[in-house]
Structure formats: C-alpha cells, structure tokens
N, C-alpha and C. Protein backbone atom coordinates (compact mmCIF):
# COMPACT_ATOMS: atom_id res chain seq x y z
N MET A 1 91.93 94.65 83.64
CA MET A 1 93.31 94.82 83.94
C MET A 1 94.17 93.55 83.59
N THR A 2 95.22 93.74 83.00
CA THR A 2 96.13 92.66 82.70
C THR A 2 97.28 92.61 83.63
N GLN A 3 97.94 91.45 83.75
CA GLN A 3 99.03 91.38 84.74
C GLN A 3 100.19 92.30 84.44
N SER A 4 100.26 92.65 83.06
CA SER A 4 101.39 93.53 82.59
C SER A 4 101.13 94.89 83.14
N ASP A 5 99.88 95.18 83.52
CA ASP A 5 99.57 96.55 84.24
C ASP A 5 100.14 96.71 85.57
N ILE A 6 100.67 95.59 86.21
CA ILE A 6 101.07 95.58 87.62
C ILE A 6 102.60 95.48 87.61
N HIS A 7 103.09 96.26 88.38
CA HIS A 7 104.66 96.31 88.41
C HIS A 7 105.13 96.41 89.95
N ARG A 8 106.31 95.74 90.14
CA ARG A 8 106.91 95.81 91.46
C ARG A 8 107.45 97.31 91.68
N LEU A 9 107.29 97.71 92.88
CA LEU A 9 107.69 99.11 93.12
C LEU A 9 108.89 99.14 94.15
N ASP A 10 109.68 100.25 94.10
CA ASP A 10 110.94 100.30 94.89
C ASP A 10 110.86 101.60 95.70
N LEU A 11 111.90 101.79 96.47
CA LEU A 11 111.93 102.89 97.43
C LEU A 11 111.70 104.23 96.80
N PRO A 12 112.01 104.70 95.66
CA PRO A 12 111.70 105.93 95.15
C PRO A 12 110.12 106.08 95.12
N ASP A 13 109.35 104.97 95.12
CA ASP A 13 107.80 105.11 94.98
C ASP A 13 107.17 105.10 96.34
N ALA A 14 107.93 104.95 97.53
CA ALA A 14 107.38 104.83 98.73
C ALA A 14 106.44 105.90 99.15
N ARG A 15 106.81 107.17 98.86
CA ARG A 15 105.82 108.25 99.28
C ARG A 15 104.49 108.26 98.64
N TRP A 16 104.53 108.03 97.30
CA TRP A 16 103.15 108.15 96.63
C TRP A 16 102.36 106.85 96.93
N VAL A 17 103.04 105.73 97.19
CA VAL A 17 102.29 104.58 97.70
C VAL A 17 101.66 104.84 99.01
N ALA A 18 102.39 105.41 99.88
CA ALA A 18 101.88 105.70 101.28
C ALA A 18 100.66 106.74 101.20
N GLU A 19 100.79 107.60 100.33
CA GLU A 19 99.77 108.60 100.13
C GLU A 19 98.45 107.96 99.56
N ARG A 20 98.65 107.05 98.61
CA ARG A 20 97.60 106.32 97.99
C ARG A 20 96.92 105.53 99.01
N ILE A 21 97.52 104.91 99.91
CA ILE A 21 97.02 104.06 101.01
C ILE A 21 96.16 104.98 101.89
N ALA A 22 96.76 105.95 102.41
CA ALA A 22 96.13 106.94 103.22
C ALA A 22 94.85 107.47 102.77
N GLU A 23 94.98 107.88 101.42
CA GLU A 23 93.68 108.38 100.76
C GLU A 23 92.52 107.44 100.78
N ALA A 24 92.94 106.01 100.40
CA ALA A 24 91.89 105.03 100.36
C ALA A 24 91.35 104.65 101.67
N PHE A 25 92.14 104.81 102.76
CA PHE A 25 91.76 104.35 103.97
C PHE A 25 90.99 105.48 104.87
N MET A 26 90.95 106.63 104.26
CA MET A 26 90.28 107.66 104.95
C MET A 26 88.72 107.40 105.30
N VAL A 27 88.14 106.57 104.55
CA VAL A 27 86.76 106.28 104.62
C VAL A 27 86.45 105.27 105.73
N LEU A 28 87.43 104.56 106.15
CA LEU A 28 87.43 103.51 107.08
C LEU A 28 87.22 103.97 108.60
N ASP A 29 86.68 103.26 109.42
CA ASP A 29 86.48 103.53 110.89
C ASP A 29 87.76 103.57 111.75
N GLN A 30 88.71 102.63 111.39
CA GLN A 30 90.00 102.50 112.08
C GLN A 30 90.82 103.78 112.22
N PRO A 31 90.88 104.57 111.03
CA PRO A 31 91.78 105.71 111.08
C PRO A 31 91.04 106.85 111.96
N ARG A 32 89.76 106.85 112.17
CA ARG A 32 89.15 107.82 113.00
C ARG A 32 89.55 107.59 114.56
N TRP A 33 89.68 106.30 114.85
CA TRP A 33 90.25 106.00 116.22
C TRP A 33 91.70 106.32 116.35
N LEU A 34 92.43 105.99 115.33
CA LEU A 34 93.91 106.13 115.41
C LEU A 34 94.23 107.58 115.49
N VAL A 35 93.67 108.42 114.76
CA VAL A 35 93.86 109.91 114.61
C VAL A 35 92.59 110.55 114.71
N PRO A 36 92.18 110.97 115.95
CA PRO A 36 90.85 111.60 116.11
C PRO A 36 90.77 112.98 115.36
N ASP A 37 91.86 113.62 115.22
CA ASP A 37 91.77 115.00 114.63
C ASP A 37 91.82 114.81 113.12
N GLU A 38 90.56 115.14 112.55
CA GLU A 38 90.26 114.99 111.17
C GLU A 38 91.30 115.75 110.27
N ALA A 39 91.60 116.98 110.72
CA ALA A 39 92.49 117.82 109.87
C ALA A 39 93.88 117.27 109.74
N GLN A 40 94.27 116.38 110.68
CA GLN A 40 95.69 115.82 110.64
C GLN A 40 95.70 114.37 110.23
N ARG A 41 94.59 113.78 110.14
CA ARG A 41 94.43 112.27 110.02
C ARG A 41 95.18 111.82 108.66
N GLU A 42 94.89 112.31 107.58
CA GLU A 42 95.47 111.85 106.32
C GLU A 42 96.92 111.98 106.42
N SER A 43 97.45 113.18 106.75
CA SER A 43 99.01 113.25 106.79
C SER A 43 99.59 112.34 107.83
N VAL A 44 99.05 112.13 108.97
CA VAL A 44 99.73 111.23 109.83
C VAL A 44 99.69 109.84 109.35
N LEU A 45 98.46 109.38 108.78
CA LEU A 45 98.45 108.13 108.27
C LEU A 45 99.51 107.88 107.14
N ALA A 46 99.61 108.77 106.24
CA ALA A 46 100.52 108.82 105.08
C ALA A 46 101.98 108.68 105.65
N ALA A 47 102.26 109.34 106.66
CA ALA A 47 103.72 109.25 107.19
C ALA A 47 103.95 107.95 107.90
N GLN A 48 102.87 107.43 108.64
CA GLN A 48 103.10 106.09 109.26
C GLN A 48 103.08 104.97 108.15
N PHE A 49 102.28 105.14 107.12
CA PHE A 49 102.29 104.10 106.13
C PHE A 49 103.64 104.10 105.33
N GLU A 50 104.18 105.29 105.17
CA GLU A 50 105.45 105.32 104.59
C GLU A 50 106.55 104.44 105.24
N ILE A 51 106.49 104.44 106.55
CA ILE A 51 107.54 103.68 107.37
C ILE A 51 107.20 102.20 106.95
N LEU A 52 106.02 101.74 106.90
CA LEU A 52 105.71 100.33 106.63
C LEU A 52 105.97 100.07 105.20
N VAL A 53 105.64 100.95 104.27
CA VAL A 53 105.95 100.65 102.78
C VAL A 53 107.40 100.53 102.53
N GLU A 54 108.25 101.37 103.09
CA GLU A 54 109.64 101.34 102.96
C GLU A 54 110.15 100.01 103.44
N HIS A 55 109.68 99.57 104.54
CA HIS A 55 110.08 98.29 105.27
C HIS A 55 109.76 97.09 104.29
N ALA A 56 108.52 97.19 103.63
CA ALA A 56 108.07 96.10 102.76
C ALA A 56 108.95 96.08 101.54
N MET A 57 109.30 97.37 101.04
CA MET A 57 110.17 97.35 99.83
C MET A 57 111.49 96.77 100.16
N ARG A 58 112.01 96.73 101.29
CA ARG A 58 113.27 96.20 101.62
C ARG A 58 113.21 94.66 101.91
N HIS A 59 112.12 94.30 102.60
CA HIS A 59 111.95 92.89 103.07
C HIS A 59 110.81 92.23 102.50
N GLY A 60 109.95 92.76 101.62
CA GLY A 60 108.83 91.97 101.02
C GLY A 60 108.72 92.46 99.53
N LEU A 61 107.34 92.60 99.28
CA LEU A 61 107.06 92.95 97.82
C LEU A 61 105.95 94.07 97.81
N VAL A 62 106.10 95.07 97.11
CA VAL A 62 105.09 96.09 96.88
C VAL A 62 104.81 96.17 95.48
N PHE A 63 103.52 95.91 95.04
CA PHE A 63 103.10 96.04 93.68
C PHE A 63 102.12 97.32 93.43
N GLY A 64 102.20 97.80 92.33
CA GLY A 64 101.36 98.96 91.95
C GLY A 64 100.89 98.81 90.56
N THR A 65 99.75 99.38 90.22
CA THR A 65 99.26 99.37 88.90
C THR A 65 99.99 100.59 88.13
N ALA A 66 100.02 100.31 86.87
CA ALA A 66 100.83 101.30 85.96
C ALA A 66 100.25 102.84 86.09
N ASP A 67 98.98 102.91 86.29
CA ASP A 67 98.38 104.13 86.41
C ASP A 67 98.28 104.73 87.87
N ARG A 68 98.87 103.96 88.83
CA ARG A 68 98.98 104.38 90.23
C ARG A 68 97.57 104.30 90.93
N ASP A 69 96.70 103.66 90.38
CA ASP A 69 95.33 103.55 90.99
C ASP A 69 95.34 102.70 92.09
N GLY A 70 96.14 101.68 92.20
CA GLY A 70 96.11 100.69 93.29
C GLY A 70 97.44 100.07 93.65
N VAL A 71 97.65 99.72 94.93
CA VAL A 71 98.83 99.16 95.31
C VAL A 71 98.65 97.97 96.39
N ALA A 72 99.47 97.02 96.50
CA ALA A 72 99.39 95.93 97.40
C ALA A 72 100.82 95.78 98.04
N VAL A 73 100.82 95.71 99.33
CA VAL A 73 102.13 95.45 100.20
C VAL A 73 102.00 94.18 100.90
N TRP A 74 102.94 93.31 100.47
CA TRP A 74 103.06 92.06 100.98
C TRP A 74 104.37 91.77 101.75
N LEU A 75 104.22 91.08 102.83
CA LEU A 75 105.50 90.78 103.68
C LEU A 75 105.50 89.35 103.84
N PRO A 76 106.62 88.58 103.50
CA PRO A 76 106.79 87.09 103.67
C PRO A 76 106.88 86.95 105.17
N SER A 77 106.11 85.86 105.70
CA SER A 77 106.27 85.50 107.15
C SER A 77 106.70 84.02 107.06
N VAL A 78 107.98 83.83 106.72
CA VAL A 78 108.43 82.56 106.44
C VAL A 78 109.74 82.26 107.17
N GLY A 79 109.83 81.26 108.00
CA GLY A 79 111.01 80.95 108.87
C GLY A 79 111.13 82.03 109.89
N ASP A 80 112.31 82.58 110.14
CA ASP A 80 112.51 83.50 111.18
C ASP A 80 111.81 84.79 110.88
N PRO A 81 111.28 85.48 111.98
CA PRO A 81 110.50 86.65 111.80
C PRO A 81 111.32 87.80 111.18
N LEU A 82 110.61 88.64 110.46
CA LEU A 82 111.49 89.82 109.91
C LEU A 82 111.82 90.77 111.00
N PRO A 83 112.91 91.56 110.76
CA PRO A 83 113.26 92.54 111.76
C PRO A 83 112.16 93.72 111.69
N PRO A 84 111.97 94.41 112.74
CA PRO A 84 111.02 95.60 112.70
C PRO A 84 111.65 96.63 111.75
N PRO A 85 110.91 97.60 111.29
CA PRO A 85 111.47 98.69 110.43
C PRO A 85 112.49 99.33 111.34
N GLU A 86 113.50 99.82 110.71
CA GLU A 86 114.61 100.49 111.24
C GLU A 86 114.24 101.68 112.03
N ASP A 87 114.70 101.69 113.34
CA ASP A 87 114.42 102.92 114.26
C ASP A 87 112.83 103.14 114.28
N TYR A 88 112.09 101.93 114.47
CA TYR A 88 110.65 102.07 114.23
C TYR A 88 110.00 102.96 115.33
N ASP A 89 110.46 102.73 116.62
CA ASP A 89 109.75 103.42 117.77
C ASP A 89 110.01 104.93 117.66
N THR A 90 111.13 105.26 117.29
CA THR A 90 111.56 106.70 117.11
C THR A 90 110.78 107.24 115.98
N ARG A 91 110.88 106.69 114.94
CA ARG A 91 110.17 107.02 113.61
C ARG A 91 108.65 107.29 113.86
N LEU A 92 108.10 106.30 114.53
CA LEU A 92 106.60 106.24 114.83
C LEU A 92 106.24 107.43 115.65
N ALA A 93 107.07 107.67 116.73
CA ALA A 93 106.76 108.81 117.57
C ALA A 93 106.98 110.10 116.89
N ALA A 94 107.82 110.20 115.92
CA ALA A 94 108.06 111.43 115.20
C ALA A 94 106.85 111.74 114.25
N VAL A 95 106.29 110.73 113.66
CA VAL A 95 105.16 111.03 112.69
C VAL A 95 103.85 110.93 113.34
N CYS A 96 103.61 110.23 114.38
CA CYS A 96 102.39 110.00 114.92
C CYS A 96 102.09 110.93 116.22
N GLY A 97 103.15 111.48 116.82
CA GLY A 97 102.99 112.44 117.89
C GLY A 97 102.11 111.84 118.96
N GLU A 98 101.15 112.72 119.37
CA GLU A 98 100.31 112.38 120.55
C GLU A 98 99.58 111.07 120.33
N TRP A 99 99.38 110.56 119.04
CA TRP A 99 98.73 109.36 118.87
C TRP A 99 99.43 108.19 118.69
N THR A 100 100.79 108.34 119.01
CA THR A 100 101.71 107.20 119.07
C THR A 100 101.18 105.93 119.89
N PRO A 101 100.68 106.18 121.01
CA PRO A 101 100.20 105.04 121.76
C PRO A 101 99.11 104.30 121.16
N ARG A 102 98.21 105.00 120.34
CA ARG A 102 97.21 104.26 119.50
C ARG A 102 97.75 103.42 118.48
N PHE A 103 98.77 103.82 117.69
CA PHE A 103 99.46 103.07 116.72
C PHE A 103 100.21 101.88 117.30
N ALA A 104 100.77 102.14 118.48
CA ALA A 104 101.53 101.09 119.17
C ALA A 104 100.52 99.92 119.69
N HIS A 105 99.27 100.34 120.09
CA HIS A 105 98.31 99.48 120.50
C HIS A 105 97.81 98.62 119.26
N LEU A 106 97.75 99.27 118.07
CA LEU A 106 97.27 98.59 116.99
C LEU A 106 98.31 97.56 116.50
N ASP A 107 99.63 97.93 116.61
CA ASP A 107 100.69 96.95 116.32
C ASP A 107 100.56 95.77 117.26
N GLU A 108 100.44 96.00 118.60
CA GLU A 108 100.27 94.92 119.40
C GLU A 108 99.04 93.91 119.13
N LEU A 109 97.89 94.47 118.75
CA LEU A 109 96.79 93.79 118.31
C LEU A 109 97.19 92.86 117.13
N PHE A 110 97.68 93.51 116.19
CA PHE A 110 98.07 92.71 114.97
C PHE A 110 99.04 91.51 115.35
N ALA A 111 100.03 91.90 116.19
CA ALA A 111 100.95 90.75 116.53
C ALA A 111 100.47 89.69 117.45
N ALA A 112 99.39 90.00 118.30
CA ALA A 112 98.67 88.99 119.11
C ALA A 112 97.89 88.08 118.11
N HIS A 113 97.40 88.55 117.04
CA HIS A 113 96.48 87.61 116.24
C HIS A 113 97.14 87.14 115.01
N HIS A 114 98.42 87.42 114.80
CA HIS A 114 99.17 86.99 113.54
C HIS A 114 99.39 85.45 113.71
N PRO A 115 99.08 84.74 112.60
CA PRO A 115 99.45 83.33 112.66
C PRO A 115 100.92 83.00 112.63
N HIS A 116 101.27 81.79 112.99
CA HIS A 116 102.65 81.35 113.02
C HIS A 116 103.15 80.54 111.97
N ALA A 117 102.26 79.86 111.20
CA ALA A 117 102.66 79.12 110.02
C ALA A 117 103.12 80.02 108.99
N ASP A 118 103.99 79.48 108.20
CA ASP A 118 104.57 80.15 107.07
C ASP A 118 103.49 80.75 106.12
N HIS A 119 103.58 81.94 105.72
CA HIS A 119 102.58 82.58 104.73
C HIS A 119 103.16 83.85 104.22
N HIS A 120 102.47 84.44 103.36
CA HIS A 120 102.69 85.77 102.99
C HIS A 120 101.67 86.76 103.49
N HIS A 121 102.00 87.79 104.06
CA HIS A 121 100.94 88.64 104.77
C HIS A 121 100.60 89.87 103.89
N LEU A 122 99.38 89.94 103.46
CA LEU A 122 99.02 91.18 102.77
C LEU A 122 98.63 92.19 103.66
N ALA A 123 99.77 93.01 103.96
CA ALA A 123 99.78 93.96 105.00
C ALA A 123 98.80 95.22 104.65
N LEU A 124 98.69 95.59 103.30
CA LEU A 124 97.94 96.83 102.88
C LEU A 124 97.57 96.49 101.39
N LEU A 125 96.28 96.71 101.08
CA LEU A 125 95.77 96.76 99.67
C LEU A 125 94.91 98.07 99.65
N ALA A 126 95.22 98.95 98.68
CA ALA A 126 94.59 100.15 98.73
C ALA A 126 94.31 100.44 97.11
N VAL A 127 93.14 100.98 96.90
CA VAL A 127 92.78 101.49 95.62
C VAL A 127 92.20 102.97 95.68
N ARG A 128 92.54 103.75 94.76
CA ARG A 128 92.07 105.17 94.76
C ARG A 128 90.65 105.06 94.85
N PRO A 129 90.06 106.07 95.68
CA PRO A 129 88.61 105.93 95.93
C PRO A 129 87.67 106.02 94.79
N ASP A 130 88.02 106.75 93.73
CA ASP A 130 87.20 106.77 92.56
C ASP A 130 87.30 105.71 91.61
N ARG A 131 88.28 104.80 91.96
CA ARG A 131 88.44 103.51 91.11
C ARG A 131 88.10 102.28 91.72
N GLN A 132 87.59 102.41 93.02
CA GLN A 132 87.09 101.26 93.74
C GLN A 132 85.90 100.67 93.14
N GLY A 133 85.82 99.28 93.21
CA GLY A 133 84.72 98.51 92.60
C GLY A 133 84.95 98.25 91.17
N ARG A 134 86.11 98.50 90.65
CA ARG A 134 86.27 98.36 89.09
C ARG A 134 87.35 97.34 88.85
N GLY A 135 87.66 96.40 89.80
CA GLY A 135 88.48 95.31 89.56
C GLY A 135 89.97 95.56 89.82
N VAL A 136 90.33 96.75 90.29
CA VAL A 136 91.74 97.13 90.49
C VAL A 136 92.30 96.27 91.65
N GLY A 137 91.57 96.15 92.64
CA GLY A 137 91.97 95.40 93.95
C GLY A 137 91.98 93.90 93.52
N SER A 138 91.06 93.36 92.75
CA SER A 138 91.04 91.98 92.41
C SER A 138 92.27 91.72 91.56
N GLY A 139 92.58 92.60 90.64
CA GLY A 139 93.77 92.45 89.78
C GLY A 139 95.08 92.36 90.54
N LEU A 140 95.20 93.15 91.66
CA LEU A 140 96.38 93.02 92.40
C LEU A 140 96.40 91.80 93.22
N LEU A 141 95.30 91.30 93.62
CA LEU A 141 95.24 90.03 94.33
C LEU A 141 95.72 88.87 93.45
N ARG A 142 95.05 88.87 92.30
CA ARG A 142 95.27 87.70 91.28
C ARG A 142 96.85 87.64 91.03
N HIS A 143 97.41 88.88 90.89
CA HIS A 143 98.73 88.94 90.57
C HIS A 143 99.77 88.14 91.48
N HIS A 144 99.59 88.49 92.81
CA HIS A 144 100.37 87.71 93.80
C HIS A 144 99.91 86.42 94.00
N HIS A 145 98.62 86.20 94.01
CA HIS A 145 98.01 84.78 94.28
C HIS A 145 98.56 83.88 93.30
N ALA A 146 98.82 84.21 92.04
CA ALA A 146 99.32 83.31 91.05
C ALA A 146 100.73 82.79 91.46
N TRP A 147 101.61 83.60 92.08
CA TRP A 147 102.89 83.18 92.60
C TRP A 147 102.65 82.26 93.77
N LEU A 148 101.78 82.70 94.72
CA LEU A 148 101.46 82.00 95.99
C LEU A 148 101.04 80.57 95.60
N ASP A 149 99.99 80.42 94.78
CA ASP A 149 99.54 79.11 94.37
C ASP A 149 100.60 78.22 93.66
N ALA A 150 101.45 78.87 92.77
CA ALA A 150 102.50 78.17 92.09
C ALA A 150 103.50 77.57 93.13
N ASN A 151 103.69 78.23 94.27
CA ASN A 151 104.68 77.89 95.13
C ASN A 151 104.09 77.27 96.54
N GLY A 152 102.83 76.94 96.55
CA GLY A 152 102.15 76.29 97.60
C GLY A 152 102.22 77.17 98.92
N MET A 153 102.16 78.40 98.74
CA MET A 153 102.27 79.36 99.91
C MET A 153 100.92 80.00 100.34
N PRO A 154 100.52 79.84 101.59
CA PRO A 154 99.18 80.37 102.04
C PRO A 154 99.38 82.01 102.23
N ALA A 155 98.30 82.60 102.39
CA ALA A 155 98.24 84.02 102.62
C ALA A 155 97.43 84.49 103.81
N TYR A 156 97.75 85.52 104.47
CA TYR A 156 97.01 86.09 105.53
C TYR A 156 96.75 87.56 105.38
N LEU A 157 95.76 88.04 105.95
CA LEU A 157 95.41 89.43 105.99
C LEU A 157 94.53 89.77 107.19
N GLU A 158 94.34 91.11 107.41
CA GLU A 158 93.42 91.66 108.33
C GLU A 158 92.46 92.62 107.55
N ALA A 159 91.25 92.11 107.38
CA ALA A 159 90.29 92.94 106.59
C ALA A 159 89.82 94.09 107.50
N SER A 160 89.72 95.22 106.91
CA SER A 160 89.25 96.47 107.84
C SER A 160 87.98 97.05 107.58
N SER A 161 87.16 96.22 106.72
CA SER A 161 85.68 96.64 106.51
C SER A 161 84.90 95.57 105.99
N GLU A 162 83.74 95.52 106.05
CA GLU A 162 82.79 94.41 105.52
C GLU A 162 83.05 94.20 104.02
N ILE A 163 83.23 95.39 103.39
CA ILE A 163 83.32 95.24 101.84
C ILE A 163 84.65 94.66 101.55
N SER A 164 85.75 95.00 102.27
CA SER A 164 87.06 94.40 101.90
C SER A 164 87.00 92.84 102.31
N ARG A 165 86.38 92.57 103.51
CA ARG A 165 86.22 91.17 104.01
C ARG A 165 85.52 90.32 102.83
N ASP A 166 84.48 90.84 102.33
CA ASP A 166 83.69 90.16 101.30
C ASP A 166 84.55 90.06 100.00
N LEU A 167 85.37 91.01 99.61
CA LEU A 167 86.18 90.91 98.45
C LEU A 167 87.15 89.77 98.59
N TYR A 168 87.84 89.81 99.88
CA TYR A 168 88.81 88.74 100.07
C TYR A 168 88.17 87.37 100.14
N ALA A 169 87.00 87.31 100.61
CA ALA A 169 86.22 85.91 100.66
C ALA A 169 86.07 85.45 99.32
N ARG A 170 85.80 86.31 98.21
CA ARG A 170 85.55 85.98 96.90
C ARG A 170 86.90 85.45 96.35
N HIS A 171 88.04 85.80 96.94
CA HIS A 171 89.30 85.30 96.38
C HIS A 171 89.91 84.22 97.20
N GLY A 172 89.13 83.51 97.97
CA GLY A 172 89.45 82.32 98.59
C GLY A 172 89.89 82.48 100.09
N TYR A 173 89.73 83.59 100.67
CA TYR A 173 90.15 83.77 102.14
C TYR A 173 88.91 83.36 103.00
N ARG A 174 89.35 82.60 104.10
CA ARG A 174 88.48 82.39 105.12
C ARG A 174 88.50 83.20 106.35
N VAL A 175 87.43 83.66 106.69
CA VAL A 175 87.39 84.68 107.79
C VAL A 175 87.33 83.98 109.21
N SER A 176 88.04 84.68 110.13
CA SER A 176 87.96 84.20 111.59
C SER A 176 87.28 85.26 112.40
N GLU A 177 87.07 84.89 113.55
CA GLU A 177 86.40 85.87 114.58
C GLU A 177 87.20 87.13 114.53
N PRO A 178 86.46 88.35 114.50
CA PRO A 178 87.23 89.54 114.52
C PRO A 178 87.79 90.00 115.80
N PHE A 179 88.87 90.70 115.74
CA PHE A 179 89.45 91.37 116.96
C PHE A 179 89.15 92.90 116.79
N ARG A 180 89.20 93.60 117.99
CA ARG A 180 88.61 95.00 118.02
C ARG A 180 89.50 95.96 118.50
N LEU A 181 89.46 97.18 118.07
CA LEU A 181 90.05 98.34 118.67
C LEU A 181 89.39 98.67 119.96
N PRO A 182 89.94 99.51 120.81
CA PRO A 182 89.16 99.79 122.12
C PRO A 182 87.72 100.44 121.84
N ASP A 183 87.54 101.01 120.76
CA ASP A 183 86.23 101.67 120.48
C ASP A 183 85.22 100.66 119.78
N GLY A 184 85.64 99.42 119.59
CA GLY A 184 84.83 98.36 119.18
C GLY A 184 85.05 98.09 117.64
N THR A 185 85.78 98.95 116.97
CA THR A 185 85.99 98.74 115.50
C THR A 185 86.62 97.51 115.21
N PRO A 186 86.12 96.67 114.26
CA PRO A 186 86.73 95.39 114.10
C PRO A 186 87.74 95.32 112.92
N PHE A 187 88.61 94.26 113.07
CA PHE A 187 89.33 93.72 111.99
C PHE A 187 89.07 92.32 111.87
N TRP A 188 89.00 91.72 110.73
CA TRP A 188 88.57 90.43 110.52
C TRP A 188 89.99 89.68 109.88
N PRO A 189 90.54 88.77 110.71
CA PRO A 189 91.68 87.99 110.29
C PRO A 189 91.18 86.90 109.18
N MET A 190 92.08 86.86 108.16
CA MET A 190 91.56 85.94 107.14
C MET A 190 92.83 85.22 106.56
N TRP A 191 92.52 83.97 106.19
CA TRP A 191 93.65 83.04 105.79
C TRP A 191 93.18 82.38 104.47
N ARG A 192 94.07 82.28 103.49
CA ARG A 192 93.88 81.68 102.23
C ARG A 192 94.93 80.68 102.05
N ASP A 193 94.42 79.38 101.72
CA ASP A 193 95.23 78.29 101.46
C ASP A 193 95.56 78.44 99.92
N PRO A 194 96.78 77.99 99.50
CA PRO A 194 97.10 78.00 97.91
C PRO A 194 96.14 77.10 97.27
N ALA A 195 95.80 77.60 96.08
CA ALA A 195 94.79 76.76 95.14
C ALA A 195 95.57 75.72 94.49
C-alpha cells in the first residue's frame, strides 16, 4: 500500500466508515459486553461509531484506504479539550437504548485513563476482516505517524486485543497496565513518542 492509497474522509463518508469499524470490531470481546444481544450488536455499534466518526470529521482526522478496506480515526488532544459530540447524551441514548449505561461506563473508563500531555489520539483503527493481516492497518498508521514525527507530536491509543496491542508495539507504542470492563475484558493504554 502506498501513501497515495490513503485519503482524508469527510462527513458524507461517516456511515460507511462507522459500518466498517463495527464489522471489524465484531470479533472482539468488548462489543459482547457492550451489546449482549448478538442480533442487534453490529447495528448498535455502527450507530454509536457514527456519532464518534462524525465528531472526528469535524474536530480531527479520519483517513481511509481508496478501496475502503481500512479506516483510522484520529482526534487531536492538544491544548484545551475538544467539546463532546453535539447532543451526545441524547444521541447515545437514541442509538444504544437499554445498553446506554454500558457505553457511558466505557466513556468514563476511557476518560479516566486518558493522558493529559499533548498528543493525537488514535480513537479507532479498523480493517475489513478479510483484509486483516495484509498491511492495511500498518499503512494507515505509517500515514499519520509521518506527520506526527515531522511535527514532534506523540500519539496515544487503547488497544482492544492482544493482536492489535502487538501491532501497535511494532509501530513504536509502549504498553501500560491494562484497564478493564466490569466483565474483566481488557484495554491496553499505549503511548508513542515521535521518532
């Protein structure tokens, strides 16, 4: 994959980006806790991710591959904190229904473990399941890491699986002690200093 295969995305792309993320995340343990009903899990996740993706398109950077196989959602955490997504609580309740308290708990966990030093936050990285392990995620990482390195900006993320944790470690992220959902499912906070 070349850097020319990666493009910045905008609001008209929000829905397919959210659906790509939900599809990729269905194999993870965290969504099973967030939405116990398997029949509704992917649609609820996609709707919730759409809120976050739209927010990132307004206040951050969302990149995708030309073939739509992979996406990366970055939010700058520099200076004053970003505002929350518009009407977030109302929108979250509308799309998550009875599982809204679980998503709110996840938001609180992320906030409690988020570093305060300036950085760019890789909120979401997702690759279509049948394209994983073929360098798509690495290409997306290298794309924005080039800018981060040139500008002396660190990066932070929460890895949601051992596979993703190990991928990020290969790209220079250092792992910290995991924090966990109530069922014990871990997230690994990871920090990357600019090269």
